Amino acid sequence: MEADKKALEAAIEYAKDAKTKPEYEYVVPIVKQKLDEALEAAETVFANEAATRGEVDKAELILKKCLNICLLQ
């Protein structure tokens, strides 16, 4: 049984949208890098049909933390 990924999918979409905003241009490069890494990892987990609930939750948490840091810039 595949883990529920709705919240992870929403976080991925939010992150992709945030990267298109004009304000994203002013985010510190290392923060952009960390967000890109978290987004890539989240997309990998999302695409993995065998991902466990723990893997999904961890990917979502890390992506949301990176988004929070990005938005606080």
N, C-alpha and C. Protein backbone atom coordinates (compact mmCIF):
# COMPACT_ATOMS: atom_id res chain seq x y z
N MET A 1 0.84 -1.18 0.00
CA MET A 1 0.00 0.00 0.00
C MET A 1 0.88 1.25 0.00
N GLU A 2 0.63 2.12 -0.94
CA GLU A 2 1.42 3.33 -1.09
C GLU A 2 1.06 4.34 0.00
N ALA A 3 2.08 5.01 0.53
CA ALA A 3 1.87 6.04 1.56
C ALA A 3 1.12 7.22 0.96
N ASP A 4 0.33 7.90 1.78
CA ASP A 4 -0.40 9.09 1.33
C ASP A 4 0.60 10.21 1.09
N LYS A 5 0.58 10.75 -0.11
CA LYS A 5 1.57 11.76 -0.50
C LYS A 5 0.94 13.11 -0.82
N LYS A 6 -0.31 13.32 -0.44
CA LYS A 6 -0.99 14.58 -0.79
C LYS A 6 -0.28 15.80 -0.20
N ALA A 7 0.12 15.73 1.06
CA ALA A 7 0.79 16.86 1.70
C ALA A 7 2.16 17.10 1.07
N LEU A 8 2.85 16.03 0.74
CA LEU A 8 4.16 16.16 0.08
C LEU A 8 3.98 16.79 -1.30
N GLU A 9 2.98 16.35 -2.01
CA GLU A 9 2.72 16.91 -3.34
C GLU A 9 2.42 18.41 -3.24
N ALA A 10 1.63 18.80 -2.25
CA ALA A 10 1.31 20.22 -2.05
C ALA A 10 2.56 21.02 -1.73
N ALA A 11 3.44 20.47 -0.91
CA ALA A 11 4.69 21.15 -0.55
C ALA A 11 5.59 21.30 -1.78
N ILE A 12 5.64 20.29 -2.61
CA ILE A 12 6.44 20.34 -3.84
C ILE A 12 5.90 21.45 -4.76
N GLU A 13 4.61 21.47 -4.94
CA GLU A 13 4.00 22.49 -5.80
C GLU A 13 4.24 23.90 -5.24
N TYR A 14 4.12 24.04 -3.93
CA TYR A 14 4.35 25.33 -3.28
C TYR A 14 5.80 25.78 -3.49
N ALA A 15 6.74 24.84 -3.34
CA ALA A 15 8.16 25.17 -3.52
C ALA A 15 8.44 25.59 -4.96
N LYS A 16 7.88 24.87 -5.91
CA LYS A 16 8.07 25.22 -7.32
C LYS A 16 7.50 26.61 -7.60
N ASP A 17 6.34 26.90 -7.04
CA ASP A 17 5.72 28.20 -7.22
C ASP A 17 6.56 29.31 -6.58
N ALA A 18 7.08 29.04 -5.39
CA ALA A 18 7.90 30.03 -4.68
C ALA A 18 9.13 30.41 -5.49
N LYS A 19 9.68 29.44 -6.21
CA LYS A 19 10.88 29.71 -7.01
C LYS A 19 10.59 30.60 -8.21
N THR A 20 9.33 30.76 -8.58
CA THR A 20 8.98 31.60 -9.72
C THR A 20 8.67 33.04 -9.31
N LYS A 21 8.59 33.29 -8.02
CA LYS A 21 8.26 34.63 -7.52
C LYS A 21 9.44 35.57 -7.70
N PRO A 22 9.18 36.85 -7.98
CA PRO A 22 10.28 37.81 -8.15
C PRO A 22 11.19 37.91 -6.93
N GLU A 23 10.64 37.73 -5.74
CA GLU A 23 11.42 37.85 -4.50
C GLU A 23 12.49 36.76 -4.39
N TYR A 24 12.28 35.65 -5.10
CA TYR A 24 13.22 34.54 -5.02
C TYR A 24 14.61 34.96 -5.52
N GLU A 25 14.64 35.94 -6.39
CA GLU A 25 15.91 36.44 -6.93
C GLU A 25 16.84 36.91 -5.82
N TYR A 26 16.27 37.38 -4.71
CA TYR A 26 17.06 37.97 -3.63
C TYR A 26 17.42 36.99 -2.51
N VAL A 27 17.04 35.76 -2.67
CA VAL A 27 17.36 34.74 -1.66
C VAL A 27 18.85 34.41 -1.75
N VAL A 28 19.48 34.23 -0.60
CA VAL A 28 20.90 33.91 -0.52
C VAL A 28 21.18 32.61 -1.29
N PRO A 29 22.25 32.57 -2.07
CA PRO A 29 22.54 31.39 -2.90
C PRO A 29 22.57 30.06 -2.14
N ILE A 30 23.14 30.02 -0.96
CA ILE A 30 23.19 28.75 -0.22
C ILE A 30 21.79 28.28 0.17
N VAL A 31 20.91 29.21 0.44
CA VAL A 31 19.53 28.86 0.78
C VAL A 31 18.83 28.31 -0.47
N LYS A 32 19.08 28.92 -1.61
CA LYS A 32 18.52 28.41 -2.87
C LYS A 32 19.01 26.99 -3.13
N GLN A 33 20.29 26.77 -2.87
CA GLN A 33 20.87 25.44 -3.09
C GLN A 33 20.20 24.41 -2.19
N LYS A 34 20.01 24.75 -0.92
CA LYS A 34 19.39 23.82 0.02
C LYS A 34 17.93 23.55 -0.38
N LEU A 35 17.23 24.58 -0.84
CA LEU A 35 15.85 24.39 -1.28
C LEU A 35 15.82 23.49 -2.51
N ASP A 36 16.73 23.70 -3.45
CA ASP A 36 16.79 22.86 -4.65
C ASP A 36 17.06 21.40 -4.28
N GLU A 37 17.97 21.19 -3.33
CA GLU A 37 18.29 19.83 -2.90
C GLU A 37 17.08 19.17 -2.22
N ALA A 38 16.41 19.93 -1.36
CA ALA A 38 15.23 19.39 -0.66
C ALA A 38 14.11 19.11 -1.65
N LEU A 39 13.93 19.98 -2.63
CA LEU A 39 12.90 19.79 -3.64
C LEU A 39 13.19 18.56 -4.48
N GLU A 40 14.43 18.39 -4.88
CA GLU A 40 14.81 17.22 -5.66
C GLU A 40 14.58 15.93 -4.87
N ALA A 41 14.97 15.94 -3.61
CA ALA A 41 14.76 14.77 -2.75
C ALA A 41 13.27 14.48 -2.57
N ALA A 42 12.48 15.52 -2.39
CA ALA A 42 11.04 15.35 -2.22
C ALA A 42 10.41 14.78 -3.47
N GLU A 43 10.84 15.25 -4.63
CA GLU A 43 10.31 14.73 -5.89
C GLU A 43 10.68 13.27 -6.09
N THR A 44 11.88 12.90 -5.66
CA THR A 44 12.31 11.50 -5.74
C THR A 44 11.43 10.61 -4.87
N VAL A 45 11.19 11.04 -3.64
CA VAL A 45 10.33 10.28 -2.73
C VAL A 45 8.91 10.22 -3.29
N PHE A 46 8.42 11.34 -3.82
CA PHE A 46 7.07 11.38 -4.36
C PHE A 46 6.91 10.39 -5.52
N ALA A 47 7.93 10.27 -6.35
CA ALA A 47 7.88 9.38 -7.51
C ALA A 47 8.05 7.91 -7.13
N ASN A 48 8.56 7.65 -5.95
CA ASN A 48 8.82 6.28 -5.49
C ASN A 48 7.53 5.65 -4.95
N GLU A 49 6.98 4.72 -5.70
CA GLU A 49 5.74 4.06 -5.28
C GLU A 49 5.92 3.23 -4.01
N ALA A 50 7.16 2.84 -3.72
CA ALA A 50 7.43 2.03 -2.54
C ALA A 50 7.86 2.87 -1.33
N ALA A 51 7.77 4.19 -1.44
CA ALA A 51 8.18 5.06 -0.33
C ALA A 51 7.32 4.78 0.91
N THR A 52 7.99 4.74 2.05
CA THR A 52 7.27 4.50 3.30
C THR A 52 6.69 5.81 3.83
N ARG A 53 5.80 5.69 4.78
CA ARG A 53 5.21 6.87 5.42
C ARG A 53 6.31 7.73 6.04
N GLY A 54 7.30 7.08 6.65
CA GLY A 54 8.41 7.81 7.26
C GLY A 54 9.22 8.60 6.25
N GLU A 55 9.49 8.00 5.10
CA GLU A 55 10.25 8.68 4.05
C GLU A 55 9.47 9.88 3.51
N VAL A 56 8.17 9.70 3.33
CA VAL A 56 7.31 10.78 2.83
C VAL A 56 7.28 11.92 3.85
N ASP A 57 7.07 11.58 5.11
CA ASP A 57 7.01 12.59 6.16
C ASP A 57 8.33 13.36 6.27
N LYS A 58 9.45 12.63 6.20
CA LYS A 58 10.76 13.26 6.32
C LYS A 58 11.01 14.22 5.15
N ALA A 59 10.70 13.78 3.93
CA ALA A 59 10.89 14.63 2.76
C ALA A 59 10.04 15.89 2.85
N GLU A 60 8.81 15.73 3.30
CA GLU A 60 7.91 16.88 3.46
C GLU A 60 8.44 17.84 4.51
N LEU A 61 8.88 17.32 5.65
CA LEU A 61 9.39 18.15 6.73
C LEU A 61 10.62 18.95 6.30
N ILE A 62 11.55 18.29 5.65
CA ILE A 62 12.78 18.96 5.22
C ILE A 62 12.45 20.04 4.19
N LEU A 63 11.57 19.73 3.25
CA LEU A 63 11.20 20.72 2.23
C LEU A 63 10.51 21.92 2.87
N LYS A 64 9.63 21.68 3.81
CA LYS A 64 8.93 22.78 4.49
C LYS A 64 9.90 23.62 5.31
N LYS A 65 10.88 23.00 5.95
CA LYS A 65 11.88 23.76 6.71
C LYS A 65 12.69 24.65 5.77
N CYS A 66 13.08 24.12 4.63
CA CYS A 66 13.83 24.92 3.65
C CYS A 66 12.98 26.07 3.12
N LEU A 67 11.71 25.81 2.90
CA LEU A 67 10.80 26.88 2.44
C LEU A 67 10.67 27.96 3.50
N ASN A 68 10.57 27.58 4.76
CA ASN A 68 10.46 28.56 5.84
C ASN A 68 11.71 29.44 5.90
N ILE A 69 12.87 28.83 5.77
CA ILE A 69 14.11 29.59 5.78
C ILE A 69 14.15 30.54 4.58
N CYS A 70 13.75 30.04 3.44
CA CYS A 70 13.73 30.84 2.21
C CYS A 70 12.79 32.04 2.36
N LEU A 71 11.65 31.82 2.95
CA LEU A 71 10.65 32.88 3.09
C LEU A 71 11.03 33.90 4.16
N LEU A 72 11.90 33.51 5.09
CA LEU A 72 12.33 34.42 6.16
C LEU A 72 13.46 35.33 5.73
N GLN A 73 14.03 35.07 4.58
CA GLN A 73 15.15 35.87 4.07
C GLN A 73 14.76 37.31 3.91
